[in-house]
């Protein structure tokens, strides 16, 4: 039972649904306010009804809302969920730290960003205690609607840095797409990746497939089908970061595969399946890592692996410095949250 004096975070996210990226954000937030009681904000109508019946709704009325849904700003369903959370406790703060903004230039199957959706977010975000974003494109999109924010990096960057030594010649591969991708043709992308993997194997490279979501297995297995490769599905974000850290280079489409690789400064080739991948890559000054999924060829991947490995030391040094800066910014913003909750900072 929650006592009246216990600080409560009403967390609105997508964790616990089999996607390690969303779990990484949740784990990062909890690590910064470990003494707070975390309660999940309801989303769907059945969850809202259940929250009233179980008393969760009453507990949330004294919570501070923290939104950790990754790329949620500019998506219609999230606007509805966030607005409900704000109504539950109008006298408490609301926090969106390291948020992503849905780029209306990309219209996926479930984006919810069409018909000028983003312009409806200005009055909502204006009521938040803290809003910061993952990368420069997110900041630019909000600037376009008249809302100025700082770039703090993705919250997952505050997770522990893996204490793992990279293995020469080991390439990590992650292929997964969420709701849609540039080019709308995952089979063609995987075919090109398979060609690249076969060629790189002939050069002596080894491979490990790292799944960030169970749905990644289909595509990652196909990409690695012509070589002997271990495929792992890590138990949590920290385990995923450790798997990525042991690679000399990572080829990944999932956003948080690249983000968790950045924790160990592992050079990454990003198969940019949606604009959010570019947003993060630009945040760590790593545009060279990007190949959009509708522009991927086996030859391009092979060439990029070679140039990335050749420049590996410089990439690691630069990534370490930038990620260190983001970790400091994120800790400062979570310290503001901890102060509102009446807690000491970690």
C-alpha atoms as a PDB file:
ATOM      1  CA  UNK A   1       0.000   0.000   0.000  1.00  0.00           C
ATOM      2  CA  UNK A   2       1.287   3.469  -0.909  1.00  0.00           C
ATOM      3  CA  UNK A   3       1.537   5.824   2.043  1.00  0.00           C
ATOM      4  CA  UNK A   4       0.441   9.429   1.621  1.00  0.00           C
ATOM      5  CA  UNK A   5       3.972  10.767   1.998  1.00  0.00           C
ATOM      6  CA  UNK A   6       5.520   8.485  -0.628  1.00  0.00           C
ATOM      7  CA  UNK A   7       6.588  10.328  -3.801  1.00  0.00           C
ATOM      8  CA  UNK A   8       4.737   8.933  -6.817  1.00  0.00           C
ATOM      9  CA  UNK A   9       5.737   9.069 -10.487  1.00  0.00           C
ATOM     10  CA  UNK A  10       2.929   8.534 -12.953  1.00  0.00           C
ATOM     11  CA  UNK A  11       4.960   7.049 -15.793  1.00  0.00           C
ATOM     12  CA  UNK A  12       3.595   7.178 -19.321  1.00  0.00           C
ATOM     13  CA  UNK A  13       5.638   4.937 -21.602  1.00  0.00           C
ATOM     14  CA  UNK A  14       5.697   1.741 -23.620  1.00  0.00           C
ATOM     15  CA  UNK A  15       7.914  -0.404 -21.384  1.00  0.00           C
ATOM     16  CA  UNK A  16       7.203  -4.016 -20.537  1.00  0.00           C
ATOM     17  CA  UNK A  17       5.886  -4.798 -24.020  1.00  0.00           C
ATOM     18  CA  UNK A  18       8.875  -6.633 -25.443  1.00  0.00           C
ATOM     19  CA  UNK A  19      10.828  -3.678 -26.823  1.00  0.00           C
ATOM     20  CA  UNK A  20      14.208  -3.111 -25.173  1.00  0.00           C
ATOM     21  CA  UNK A  21      14.380   0.514 -26.333  1.00  0.00           C
ATOM     22  CA  UNK A  22      11.320   1.491 -24.305  1.00  0.00           C
ATOM     23  CA  UNK A  23      12.569  -0.610 -21.397  1.00  0.00           C
ATOM     24  CA  UNK A  24      15.900   1.228 -21.577  1.00  0.00           C
ATOM     25  CA  UNK A  25      14.194   4.598 -21.155  1.00  0.00           C
ATOM     26  CA  UNK A  26      12.138   3.298 -18.225  1.00  0.00           C
ATOM     27  CA  UNK A  27      15.204   1.820 -16.517  1.00  0.00           C
ATOM     28  CA  UNK A  28      17.093   5.079 -17.021  1.00  0.00           C
ATOM     29  CA  UNK A  29      14.360   7.198 -15.430  1.00  0.00           C
ATOM     30  CA  UNK A  30      13.958   4.826 -12.491  1.00  0.00           C
ATOM     31  CA  UNK A  31      17.714   4.837 -11.882  1.00  0.00           C
ATOM     32  CA  UNK A  32      17.613   8.588 -11.261  1.00  0.00           C
ATOM     33  CA  UNK A  33      14.719   8.594  -8.782  1.00  0.00           C
ATOM     34  CA  UNK A  34      14.988   5.109  -7.246  1.00  0.00           C
ATOM     35  CA  UNK A  35      13.105   6.030  -4.058  1.00  0.00           C
ATOM     36  CA  UNK A  36       9.974   7.080  -5.945  1.00  0.00           C
ATOM     37  CA  UNK A  37       7.019   4.774  -6.435  1.00  0.00           C
ATOM     38  CA  UNK A  38       6.409   4.281 -10.176  1.00  0.00           C
ATOM     39  CA  UNK A  39       2.850   3.728 -11.347  1.00  0.00           C
ATOM     40  CA  UNK A  40       1.920   3.220 -14.982  1.00  0.00           C
ATOM     41  CA  UNK A  41      -0.415   5.776 -16.496  1.00  0.00           C
ATOM     42  CA  UNK A  42      -3.350   4.086 -18.267  1.00  0.00           C
ATOM     43  CA  UNK A  43      -3.664   4.499 -22.039  1.00  0.00           C
ATOM     44  CA  UNK A  44      -6.390   2.406 -23.607  1.00  0.00           C
ATOM     45  CA  UNK A  45     -10.079   2.701 -22.550  1.00  0.00           C
ATOM     46  CA  UNK A  46     -10.024  -0.663 -20.761  1.00  0.00           C
ATOM     47  CA  UNK A  47      -6.966   0.444 -18.765  1.00  0.00           C
ATOM     48  CA  UNK A  48      -8.658   3.713 -17.813  1.00  0.00           C
ATOM     49  CA  UNK A  49     -11.744   1.858 -16.569  1.00  0.00           C
ATOM     50  CA  UNK A  50      -9.589  -0.601 -14.633  1.00  0.00           C
ATOM     51  CA  UNK A  51      -7.591   2.229 -13.045  1.00  0.00           C
ATOM     52  CA  UNK A  52     -10.782   3.643 -11.540  1.00  0.00           C
ATOM     53  CA  UNK A  53     -11.994   0.245 -10.320  1.00  0.00           C
ATOM     54  CA  UNK A  54      -8.665  -0.696  -8.705  1.00  0.00           C
ATOM     55  CA  UNK A  55      -7.929   2.655  -7.066  1.00  0.00           C
ATOM     56  CA  UNK A  56      -4.946   3.362  -9.323  1.00  0.00           C
ATOM     57  CA  UNK A  57      -6.655   6.489 -10.585  1.00  0.00           C
ATOM     58  CA  UNK A  58      -6.841   7.876  -7.043  1.00  0.00           C
ATOM     59  CA  UNK A  59      -3.131   7.222  -6.433  1.00  0.00           C
ATOM     60  CA  UNK A  60      -2.210   8.883  -9.723  1.00  0.00           C
ATOM     61  CA  UNK A  61      -4.010  12.044  -8.637  1.00  0.00           C
ATOM     62  CA  UNK A  62      -1.039  12.856  -6.404  1.00  0.00           C
ATOM     63  CA  UNK A  63       1.623  11.807  -8.891  1.00  0.00           C
ATOM     64  CA  UNK A  64       4.102  13.738 -10.993  1.00  0.00           C
ATOM     65  CA  UNK A  65       3.716  12.739 -14.625  1.00  0.00           C
ATOM     66  CA  UNK A  66       6.869  11.639 -16.458  1.00  0.00           C
ATOM     67  CA  UNK A  67       6.508  10.821 -20.136  1.00  0.00           C
ATOM     68  CA  UNK A  68       9.043   8.285 -21.375  1.00  0.00           C
ATOM     69  CA  UNK A  69       7.526   7.145 -24.634  1.00  0.00           C
ATOM     70  CA  UNK A  70      10.525   7.849 -26.845  1.00  0.00           C
ATOM     71  CA  UNK A  71       9.314   9.505 -30.043  1.00  0.00           C
ATOM     72  CA  UNK A  72       5.928  10.622 -28.767  1.00  0.00           C
ATOM     73  CA  UNK A  73       5.654  14.375 -29.358  1.00  0.00           C
ATOM     74  CA  UNK A  74       3.607  14.975 -32.478  1.00  0.00           C
ATOM     75  CA  UNK A  75       1.721  11.672 -32.328  1.00  0.00           C
ATOM     76  CA  UNK A  76      -2.034  11.949 -31.839  1.00  0.00           C
ATOM     77  CA  UNK A  77      -2.630   9.087 -29.360  1.00  0.00           C
ATOM     78  CA  UNK A  78       0.108  10.369 -27.060  1.00  0.00           C
ATOM     79  CA  UNK A  79      -1.461  13.833 -26.988  1.00  0.00           C
ATOM     80  CA  UNK A  80      -4.656  12.292 -25.658  1.00  0.00           C
ATOM     81  CA  UNK A  81      -2.881  10.176 -23.042  1.00  0.00           C
ATOM     82  CA  UNK A  82      -0.692  13.036 -21.830  1.00  0.00           C
ATOM     83  CA  UNK A  83      -3.622  15.424 -21.581  1.00  0.00           C
ATOM     84  CA  UNK A  84      -5.498  12.942 -19.398  1.00  0.00           C
ATOM     85  CA  UNK A  85      -2.464  12.609 -17.143  1.00  0.00           C
ATOM     86  CA  UNK A  86      -2.254  16.380 -16.770  1.00  0.00           C
ATOM     87  CA  UNK A  87      -5.905  16.539 -15.768  1.00  0.00           C
ATOM     88  CA  UNK A  88      -5.411  13.905 -13.064  1.00  0.00           C
ATOM     89  CA  UNK A  89      -3.138  16.163 -11.052  1.00  0.00           C
ATOM     90  CA  UNK A  90      -3.229  19.740 -12.368  1.00  0.00           C
ATOM     91  CA  UNK A  91      -1.174  21.002  -9.412  1.00  0.00           C
ATOM     92  CA  UNK A  92       1.845  18.766 -10.062  1.00  0.00           C
ATOM     93  CA  UNK A  93       4.658  19.018 -12.584  1.00  0.00           C
ATOM     94  CA  UNK A  94       4.998  17.204 -15.896  1.00  0.00           C
ATOM     95  CA  UNK A  95       8.311  16.096 -17.352  1.00  0.00           C
ATOM     96  CA  UNK A  96       9.467  15.115 -20.831  1.00  0.00           C
ATOM     97  CA  UNK A  97      13.229  14.624 -20.714  1.00  0.00           C
ATOM     98  CA  UNK A  98      15.142  13.659 -23.860  1.00  0.00           C
ATOM     99  CA  UNK A  99      11.922  13.260 -25.834  1.00  0.00           C
ATOM    100  CA  UNK A 100      11.695  12.537 -29.535  1.00  0.00           C
ATOM    101  CA  UNK A 101       9.494  14.488 -31.945  1.00  0.00           C
ATOM    102  CA  UNK A 102       7.741  12.642 -34.757  1.00  0.00           C
ATOM    103  CA  UNK A 103       8.897  14.117 -38.050  1.00  0.00           C
ATOM    104  CA  UNK A 104       5.863  14.718 -40.307  1.00  0.00           C
ATOM    105  CA  UNK A 105       8.143  14.209 -43.315  1.00  0.00           C
ATOM    106  CA  UNK A 106       7.764  10.487 -42.644  1.00  0.00           C
ATOM    107  CA  UNK A 107       4.266   9.043 -42.722  1.00  0.00           C
ATOM    108  CA  UNK A 108       4.253   5.472 -41.437  1.00  0.00           C
ATOM    109  CA  UNK A 109       1.363   3.101 -40.956  1.00  0.00           C
ATOM    110  CA  UNK A 110       0.794   4.197 -37.352  1.00  0.00           C
ATOM    111  CA  UNK A 111       2.583   7.538 -37.063  1.00  0.00           C
ATOM    112  CA  UNK A 112      -0.453   9.608 -36.067  1.00  0.00           C
ATOM    113  CA  UNK A 113       1.414  12.723 -37.209  1.00  0.00           C
ATOM    114  CA  UNK A 114      -0.561  13.770 -40.272  1.00  0.00           C
ATOM    115  CA  UNK A 115      -2.938  16.767 -40.685  1.00  0.00           C
ATOM    116  CA  UNK A 116      -0.699  19.208 -38.844  1.00  0.00           C
ATOM    117  CA  UNK A 117      -0.740  17.218 -35.600  1.00  0.00           C
ATOM    118  CA  UNK A 118       2.397  18.850 -34.184  1.00  0.00           C
ATOM    119  CA  UNK A 119       0.871  22.345 -33.966  1.00  0.00           C
ATOM    120  CA  UNK A 120      -1.597  21.054 -31.363  1.00  0.00           C
ATOM    121  CA  UNK A 121       1.266  20.316 -28.958  1.00  0.00           C
ATOM    122  CA  UNK A 122       2.358  23.894 -28.236  1.00  0.00           C
ATOM    123  CA  UNK A 123      -0.179  24.619 -25.454  1.00  0.00           C
ATOM    124  CA  UNK A 124       0.446  21.198 -23.894  1.00  0.00           C
ATOM    125  CA  UNK A 125       4.231  21.439 -23.793  1.00  0.00           C
ATOM    126  CA  UNK A 126       4.009  25.021 -22.527  1.00  0.00           C
ATOM    127  CA  UNK A 127       2.505  23.674 -19.283  1.00  0.00           C
ATOM    128  CA  UNK A 128       5.336  21.185 -18.648  1.00  0.00           C
ATOM    129  CA  UNK A 129       7.922  21.838 -15.956  1.00  0.00           C
ATOM    130  CA  UNK A 130      10.671  20.428 -18.147  1.00  0.00           C
ATOM    131  CA  UNK A 131      10.831  19.592 -21.834  1.00  0.00           C
ATOM    132  CA  UNK A 132      14.074  18.635 -23.529  1.00  0.00           C
ATOM    133  CA  UNK A 133      14.656  16.558 -26.635  1.00  0.00           C
ATOM    134  CA  UNK A 134      16.755  13.724 -27.986  1.00  0.00           C
ATOM    135  CA  UNK A 135      18.360  15.490 -30.936  1.00  0.00           C
ATOM    136  CA  UNK A 136      18.629  18.597 -33.121  1.00  0.00           C
ATOM    137  CA  UNK A 137      15.886  17.652 -35.584  1.00  0.00           C
ATOM    138  CA  UNK A 138      13.421  17.311 -32.698  1.00  0.00           C
ATOM    139  CA  UNK A 139      14.477  20.763 -31.467  1.00  0.00           C
ATOM    140  CA  UNK A 140      14.054  22.191 -34.960  1.00  0.00           C
ATOM    141  CA  UNK A 141      10.549  20.758 -35.331  1.00  0.00           C
ATOM    142  CA  UNK A 142       9.464  22.287 -32.028  1.00  0.00           C
ATOM    143  CA  UNK A 143      11.077  25.596 -32.939  1.00  0.00           C
ATOM    144  CA  UNK A 144       8.912  25.623 -36.054  1.00  0.00           C
ATOM    145  CA  UNK A 145       5.770  25.731 -33.843  1.00  0.00           C
ATOM    146  CA  UNK A 146       7.238  28.380 -31.575  1.00  0.00           C
ATOM    147  CA  UNK A 147       8.602  26.231 -28.738  1.00  0.00           C
ATOM    148  CA  UNK A 148      12.287  26.458 -27.804  1.00  0.00           C
ATOM    149  CA  UNK A 149      14.041  23.471 -26.184  1.00  0.00           C
ATOM    150  CA  UNK A 150      17.498  22.194 -25.369  1.00  0.00           C
ATOM    151  CA  UNK A 151      18.980  18.948 -26.701  1.00  0.00           C
ATOM    152  CA  UNK A 152      19.757  16.649 -23.765  1.00  0.00           C
ATOM    153  CA  UNK A 153      20.236  13.330 -25.582  1.00  0.00           C
ATOM    154  CA  UNK A 154      18.191  10.174 -25.205  1.00  0.00           C
ATOM    155  CA  UNK A 155      17.463   9.140 -21.589  1.00  0.00           C
ATOM    156  CA  UNK A 156      19.004   5.694 -22.205  1.00  0.00           C
ATOM    157  CA  UNK A 157      22.414   7.386 -22.381  1.00  0.00           C
ATOM    158  CA  UNK A 158      22.321   7.649 -18.596  1.00  0.00           C
ATOM    159  CA  UNK A 159      22.395   3.862 -18.151  1.00  0.00           C
ATOM    160  CA  UNK A 160      25.661   2.291 -16.915  1.00  0.00           C
ATOM    161  CA  UNK A 161      28.485   2.096 -19.408  1.00  0.00           C
ATOM    162  CA  UNK A 162      29.329  -1.569 -20.079  1.00  0.00           C
ATOM    163  CA  UNK A 163      32.652  -2.850 -18.757  1.00  0.00           C
ATOM    164  CA  UNK A 164      33.324  -4.990 -21.826  1.00  0.00           C
ATOM    165  CA  UNK A 165      36.299  -5.250 -24.169  1.00  0.00           C
ATOM    166  CA  UNK A 166      35.470  -5.189 -27.873  1.00  0.00           C
ATOM    167  CA  UNK A 167      36.411  -8.272 -29.916  1.00  0.00           C
ATOM    168  CA  UNK A 168      38.318  -7.602 -33.123  1.00  0.00           C
ATOM    169  CA  UNK A 169      36.418  -8.751 -36.186  1.00  0.00           C
ATOM    170  CA  UNK A 170      33.043  -9.180 -34.455  1.00  0.00           C
ATOM    171  CA  UNK A 171      30.178  -7.320 -36.143  1.00  0.00           C
ATOM    172  CA  UNK A 172      26.864  -6.869 -34.358  1.00  0.00           C
ATOM    173  CA  UNK A 173      23.742  -6.913 -36.520  1.00  0.00           C
ATOM    174  CA  UNK A 174      20.260  -5.732 -35.592  1.00  0.00           C
ATOM    175  CA  UNK A 175      17.457  -5.527 -38.159  1.00  0.00           C
ATOM    176  CA  UNK A 176      13.995  -4.401 -37.053  1.00  0.00           C
ATOM    177  CA  UNK A 177      11.571  -1.723 -38.142  1.00  0.00           C
ATOM    178  CA  UNK A 178       8.678  -0.977 -35.817  1.00  0.00           C
ATOM    179  CA  UNK A 179       5.613   0.148 -37.733  1.00  0.00           C
ATOM    180  CA  UNK A 180       7.227   1.113 -41.076  1.00  0.00           C
ATOM    181  CA  UNK A 181      10.438   2.197 -42.798  1.00  0.00           C
ATOM    182  CA  UNK A 182      11.733   4.428 -45.572  1.00  0.00           C
ATOM    183  CA  UNK A 183      11.097   2.569 -48.813  1.00  0.00           C
ATOM    184  CA  UNK A 184       8.406   0.358 -47.234  1.00  0.00           C
ATOM    185  CA  UNK A 185      10.285  -2.756 -48.438  1.00  0.00           C
ATOM    186  CA  UNK A 186      11.978  -4.696 -45.613  1.00  0.00           C
ATOM    187  CA  UNK A 187      12.583  -7.751 -47.826  1.00  0.00           C
ATOM    188  CA  UNK A 188      14.695  -5.734 -50.277  1.00  0.00           C
ATOM    189  CA  UNK A 189      16.725  -4.246 -47.435  1.00  0.00           C
ATOM    190  CA  UNK A 190      17.394  -7.644 -45.874  1.00  0.00           C
ATOM    191  CA  UNK A 191      18.456  -9.038 -49.250  1.00  0.00           C
ATOM    192  CA  UNK A 192      21.092  -6.300 -49.574  1.00  0.00           C
ATOM    193  CA  UNK A 193      22.222  -6.870 -46.003  1.00  0.00           C
ATOM    194  CA  UNK A 194      22.609 -10.592 -46.669  1.00  0.00           C
ATOM    195  CA  UNK A 195      24.915  -9.808 -49.612  1.00  0.00           C
ATOM    196  CA  UNK A 196      27.010  -7.526 -47.427  1.00  0.00           C
ATOM    197  CA  UNK A 197      27.234 -10.085 -44.617  1.00  0.00           C
ATOM    198  CA  UNK A 198      28.389 -12.825 -46.990  1.00  0.00           C
ATOM    199  CA  UNK A 199      31.118 -10.593 -48.396  1.00  0.00           C
ATOM    200  CA  UNK A 200      32.276  -9.410 -44.978  1.00  0.00           C
ATOM    201  CA  UNK A 201      32.343 -13.007 -43.741  1.00  0.00           C
ATOM    202  CA  UNK A 202      34.628 -13.927 -46.603  1.00  0.00           C
ATOM    203  CA  UNK A 203      36.942 -11.155 -45.404  1.00  0.00           C
ATOM    204  CA  UNK A 204      37.167 -12.884 -42.014  1.00  0.00           C
ATOM    205  CA  UNK A 205      34.563 -11.020 -39.970  1.00  0.00           C
ATOM    206  CA  UNK A 206      32.325 -12.807 -37.462  1.00  0.00           C
ATOM    207  CA  UNK A 207      28.767 -11.876 -36.580  1.00  0.00           C
ATOM    208  CA  UNK A 208      26.332 -11.757 -33.691  1.00  0.00           C
ATOM    209  CA  UNK A 209      22.672 -10.868 -34.150  1.00  0.00           C
ATOM    210  CA  UNK A 210      21.306  -8.717 -31.314  1.00  0.00           C
ATOM    211  CA  UNK A 211      17.518  -8.580 -31.031  1.00  0.00           C
ATOM    212  CA  UNK A 212      15.948  -5.485 -29.468  1.00  0.00           C
ATOM    213  CA  UNK A 213      12.438  -6.819 -30.014  1.00  0.00           C
ATOM    214  CA  UNK A 214      11.187 -10.344 -30.638  1.00  0.00           C
ATOM    215  CA  UNK A 215       9.927  -9.152 -34.037  1.00  0.00           C
ATOM    216  CA  UNK A 216      13.562  -8.503 -35.044  1.00  0.00           C
ATOM    217  CA  UNK A 217      14.304 -12.224 -35.201  1.00  0.00           C
ATOM    218  CA  UNK A 218      12.710 -12.754 -38.606  1.00  0.00           C
ATOM    219  CA  UNK A 219      14.721 -10.044 -40.337  1.00  0.00           C
ATOM    220  CA  UNK A 220      17.982 -10.507 -38.434  1.00  0.00           C
ATOM    221  CA  UNK A 221      17.992 -14.252 -39.090  1.00  0.00           C
ATOM    222  CA  UNK A 222      17.434 -13.658 -42.806  1.00  0.00           C
ATOM    223  CA  UNK A 223      20.262 -11.144 -42.966  1.00  0.00           C
ATOM    224  CA  UNK A 224      22.625 -13.654 -41.304  1.00  0.00           C
ATOM    225  CA  UNK A 225      21.274 -16.776 -43.007  1.00  0.00           C
ATOM    226  CA  UNK A 226      24.372 -17.357 -45.169  1.00  0.00           C
ATOM    227  CA  UNK A 227      26.891 -17.294 -42.307  1.00  0.00           C
ATOM    228  CA  UNK A 228      27.398 -19.021 -38.991  1.00  0.00           C
ATOM    229  CA  UNK A 229      26.238 -16.518 -36.391  1.00  0.00           C
ATOM    230  CA  UNK A 230      24.947 -16.486 -32.855  1.00  0.00           C
ATOM    231  CA  UNK A 231      21.661 -14.634 -32.370  1.00  0.00           C
ATOM    232  CA  UNK A 232      20.916 -13.325 -28.883  1.00  0.00           C
ATOM    233  CA  UNK A 233      17.848 -11.723 -27.344  1.00  0.00           C
ATOM    234  CA  UNK A 234      19.180  -9.925 -24.257  1.00  0.00           C
ATOM    235  CA  UNK A 235      17.116 -10.025 -21.094  1.00  0.00           C
ATOM    236  CA  UNK A 236      17.229  -6.270 -20.556  1.00  0.00           C
ATOM    237  CA  UNK A 237      18.778  -3.032 -21.794  1.00  0.00           C
ATOM    238  CA  UNK A 238      21.977  -3.445 -19.771  1.00  0.00           C
ATOM    239  CA  UNK A 239      22.529  -6.904 -21.247  1.00  0.00           C
ATOM    240  CA  UNK A 240      21.890  -5.523 -24.737  1.00  0.00           C
ATOM    241  CA  UNK A 241      24.433  -2.756 -24.154  1.00  0.00           C
ATOM    242  CA  UNK A 242      27.003  -5.364 -23.107  1.00  0.00           C
ATOM    243  CA  UNK A 243      26.381  -7.445 -26.241  1.00  0.00           C
ATOM    244  CA  UNK A 244      26.815  -4.390 -28.442  1.00  0.00           C
ATOM    245  CA  UNK A 245      29.927  -3.332 -26.523  1.00  0.00           C
ATOM    246  CA  UNK A 246      31.781  -6.535 -27.404  1.00  0.00           C
ATOM    247  CA  UNK A 247      31.502  -5.752 -31.123  1.00  0.00           C
ATOM    248  CA  UNK A 248      34.120  -3.905 -33.147  1.00  0.00           C
ATOM    249  CA  UNK A 249      31.323  -2.342 -35.191  1.00  0.00           C
ATOM    250  CA  UNK A 250      27.508  -2.556 -35.124  1.00  0.00           C
ATOM    251  CA  UNK A 251      25.087  -2.449 -38.059  1.00  0.00           C
ATOM    252  CA  UNK A 252      21.656  -1.581 -36.679  1.00  0.00           C
ATOM    253  CA  UNK A 253      18.286  -0.256 -37.662  1.00  0.00           C
ATOM    254  CA  UNK A 254      16.521  -0.124 -34.285  1.00  0.00           C
ATOM    255  CA  UNK A 255      17.037   3.302 -32.721  1.00  0.00           C
ATOM    256  CA  UNK A 256      18.050   2.061 -29.286  1.00  0.00           C
ATOM    257  CA  UNK A 257      20.484  -0.492 -30.640  1.00  0.00           C
ATOM    258  CA  UNK A 258      22.466   2.514 -31.836  1.00  0.00           C
ATOM    259  CA  UNK A 259      21.893   4.423 -28.610  1.00  0.00           C
ATOM    260  CA  UNK A 260      22.994   1.538 -26.382  1.00  0.00           C
ATOM    261  CA  UNK A 261      26.029   0.999 -28.629  1.00  0.00           C
ATOM    262  CA  UNK A 262      26.945   4.646 -28.034  1.00  0.00           C
ATOM    263  CA  UNK A 263      27.241   3.900 -24.305  1.00  0.00           C
ATOM    264  CA  UNK A 264      30.395   1.930 -25.082  1.00  0.00           C
ATOM    265  CA  UNK A 265      31.410   4.223 -27.964  1.00  0.00           C
ATOM    266  CA  UNK A 266      31.029   1.269 -30.329  1.00  0.00           C
ATOM    267  CA  UNK A 267      31.170   2.558 -33.930  1.00  0.00           C
ATOM    268  CA  UNK A 268      27.798   2.031 -35.558  1.00  0.00           C
ATOM    269  CA  UNK A 269      26.386   1.968 -39.067  1.00  0.00           C
ATOM    270  CA  UNK A 270      22.777   3.100 -38.772  1.00  0.00           C
ATOM    271  CA  UNK A 271      20.223   1.747 -41.216  1.00  0.00           C
ATOM    272  CA  UNK A 272      17.990   4.802 -40.932  1.00  0.00           C
ATOM    273  CA  UNK A 273      14.510   3.326 -41.073  1.00  0.00           C
ATOM    274  CA  UNK A 274      12.784   6.454 -39.740  1.00  0.00           C
ATOM    275  CA  UNK A 275      13.871  10.071 -39.095  1.00  0.00           C
ATOM    276  CA  UNK A 276      14.342   9.412 -35.383  1.00  0.00           C
ATOM    277  CA  UNK A 277      17.519   7.476 -36.208  1.00  0.00           C
ATOM    278  CA  UNK A 278      18.948  10.546 -37.929  1.00  0.00           C
ATOM    279  CA  UNK A 279      17.872  12.738 -35.012  1.00  0.00           C
ATOM    280  CA  UNK A 280      19.997  10.712 -32.606  1.00  0.00           C
ATOM    281  CA  UNK A 281      22.947  10.310 -34.996  1.00  0.00           C
ATOM    282  CA  UNK A 282      23.096  14.087 -35.450  1.00  0.00           C
ATOM    283  CA  UNK A 283      22.970  14.556 -31.674  1.00  0.00           C
ATOM    284  CA  UNK A 284      26.285  12.706 -31.332  1.00  0.00           C
ATOM    285  CA  UNK A 285      27.778  14.294 -34.481  1.00  0.00           C
ATOM    286  CA  UNK A 286      27.717  10.989 -36.335  1.00  0.00           C
ATOM    287  CA  UNK A 287      25.991  11.672 -39.651  1.00  0.00           C
ATOM    288  CA  UNK A 288      28.588   9.489 -41.386  1.00  0.00           C
ATOM    289  CA  UNK A 289      26.903   6.465 -39.752  1.00  0.00           C
ATOM    290  CA  UNK A 290      23.621   6.873 -41.643  1.00  0.00           C
ATOM    291  CA  UNK A 291      22.361   4.905 -44.644  1.00  0.00           C
ATOM    292  CA  UNK A 292      18.644   5.376 -45.265  1.00  0.00           C
ATOM    293  CA  UNK A 293      16.807   2.076 -45.681  1.00  0.00           C
ATOM    294  CA  UNK A 294      15.593   3.003 -49.171  1.00  0.00           C
ATOM    295  CA  UNK A 295      19.219   3.623 -50.204  1.00  0.00           C
ATOM    296  CA  UNK A 296      20.911   0.562 -48.698  1.00  0.00           C
ATOM    297  CA  UNK A 297      22.978  -1.638 -51.005  1.00  0.00           C
ATOM    298  CA  UNK A 298      25.327  -4.452 -50.128  1.00  0.00           C
ATOM    299  CA  UNK A 299      28.215  -2.490 -51.602  1.00  0.00           C
ATOM    300  CA  UNK A 300      27.378   0.603 -49.543  1.00  0.00           C
ATOM    301  CA  UNK A 301      27.321  -1.414 -46.309  1.00  0.00           C
ATOM    302  CA  UNK A 302      30.617  -3.134 -47.110  1.00  0.00           C
ATOM    303  CA  UNK A 303      32.262   0.183 -47.901  1.00  0.00           C
ATOM    304  CA  UNK A 304      30.883   1.811 -44.753  1.00  0.00           C
ATOM    305  CA  UNK A 305      32.109  -1.039 -42.532  1.00  0.00           C
ATOM    306  CA  UNK A 306      35.612  -0.634 -43.938  1.00  0.00           C
ATOM    307  CA  UNK A 307      35.736   3.144 -43.471  1.00  0.00           C
ATOM    308  CA  UNK A 308      34.193   2.921 -40.010  1.00  0.00           C
ATOM    309  CA  UNK A 309      36.719   0.371 -38.791  1.00  0.00           C
ATOM    310  CA  UNK A 310      39.552   2.443 -40.233  1.00  0.00           C
ATOM    311  CA  UNK A 311      38.338   5.476 -38.275  1.00  0.00           C
ATOM    312  CA  UNK A 312      37.272   3.530 -35.204  1.00  0.00           C
ATOM    313  CA  UNK A 313      39.591   5.188 -32.682  1.00  0.00           C
ATOM    314  CA  UNK A 314      38.515   8.709 -33.611  1.00  0.00           C
ATOM    315  CA  UNK A 315      34.824   7.727 -33.592  1.00  0.00           C
ATOM    316  CA  UNK A 316      35.149   6.222 -30.124  1.00  0.00           C
ATOM    317  CA  UNK A 317      36.926   9.294 -28.741  1.00  0.00           C
ATOM    318  CA  UNK A 318      34.353  11.726 -30.123  1.00  0.00           C
ATOM    319  CA  UNK A 319      31.376   9.607 -29.062  1.00  0.00           C
ATOM    320  CA  UNK A 320      32.717   9.266 -25.524  1.00  0.00           C
ATOM    321  CA  UNK A 321      33.075  13.033 -25.123  1.00  0.00           C
ATOM    322  CA  UNK A 322      29.600  13.824 -26.465  1.00  0.00           C
ATOM    323  CA  UNK A 323      27.849  11.079 -24.516  1.00  0.00           C
ATOM    324  CA  UNK A 324      29.607  12.213 -21.326  1.00  0.00           C
ATOM    325  CA  UNK A 325      28.189  15.698 -21.866  1.00  0.00           C
ATOM    326  CA  UNK A 326      24.681  14.335 -22.386  1.00  0.00           C
ATOM    327  CA  UNK A 327      24.912  12.197 -19.264  1.00  0.00           C
ATOM    328  CA  UNK A 328      25.704  15.312 -17.238  1.00  0.00           C
ATOM    329  CA  UNK A 329      22.772  17.241 -18.759  1.00  0.00           C
ATOM    330  CA  UNK A 330      20.357  14.385 -18.208  1.00  0.00           C
ATOM    331  CA  UNK A 331      21.411  13.999 -14.574  1.00  0.00           C
ATOM    332  CA  UNK A 332      20.828  17.706 -14.000  1.00  0.00           C
ATOM    333  CA  UNK A 333      17.308  17.474 -15.444  1.00  0.00           C
ATOM    334  CA  UNK A 334      16.466  14.399 -13.411  1.00  0.00           C
ATOM    335  CA  UNK A 335      17.772  16.237 -10.343  1.00  0.00           C
ATOM    336  CA  UNK A 336      15.000  18.793 -10.953  1.00  0.00           C
ATOM    337  CA  UNK A 337      12.478  15.968 -10.987  1.00  0.00           C
ATOM    338  CA  UNK A 338      13.944  14.481  -7.805  1.00  0.00           C
ATOM    339  CA  UNK A 339      13.715  17.875  -6.105  1.00  0.00           C
ATOM    340  CA  UNK A 340      10.018  18.185  -6.967  1.00  0.00           C
ATOM    341  CA  UNK A 341       9.461  14.717  -5.537  1.00  0.00           C
ATOM    342  CA  UNK A 342      11.261  15.712  -2.343  1.00  0.00           C
ATOM    343  CA  UNK A 343      14.094  13.250  -2.968  1.00  0.00           C
ATOM    344  CA  UNK A 344      17.855  13.555  -2.915  1.00  0.00           C
ATOM    345  CA  UNK A 345      19.648  13.218  -6.254  1.00  0.00           C
ATOM    346  CA  UNK A 346      21.566  10.018  -6.989  1.00  0.00           C
END
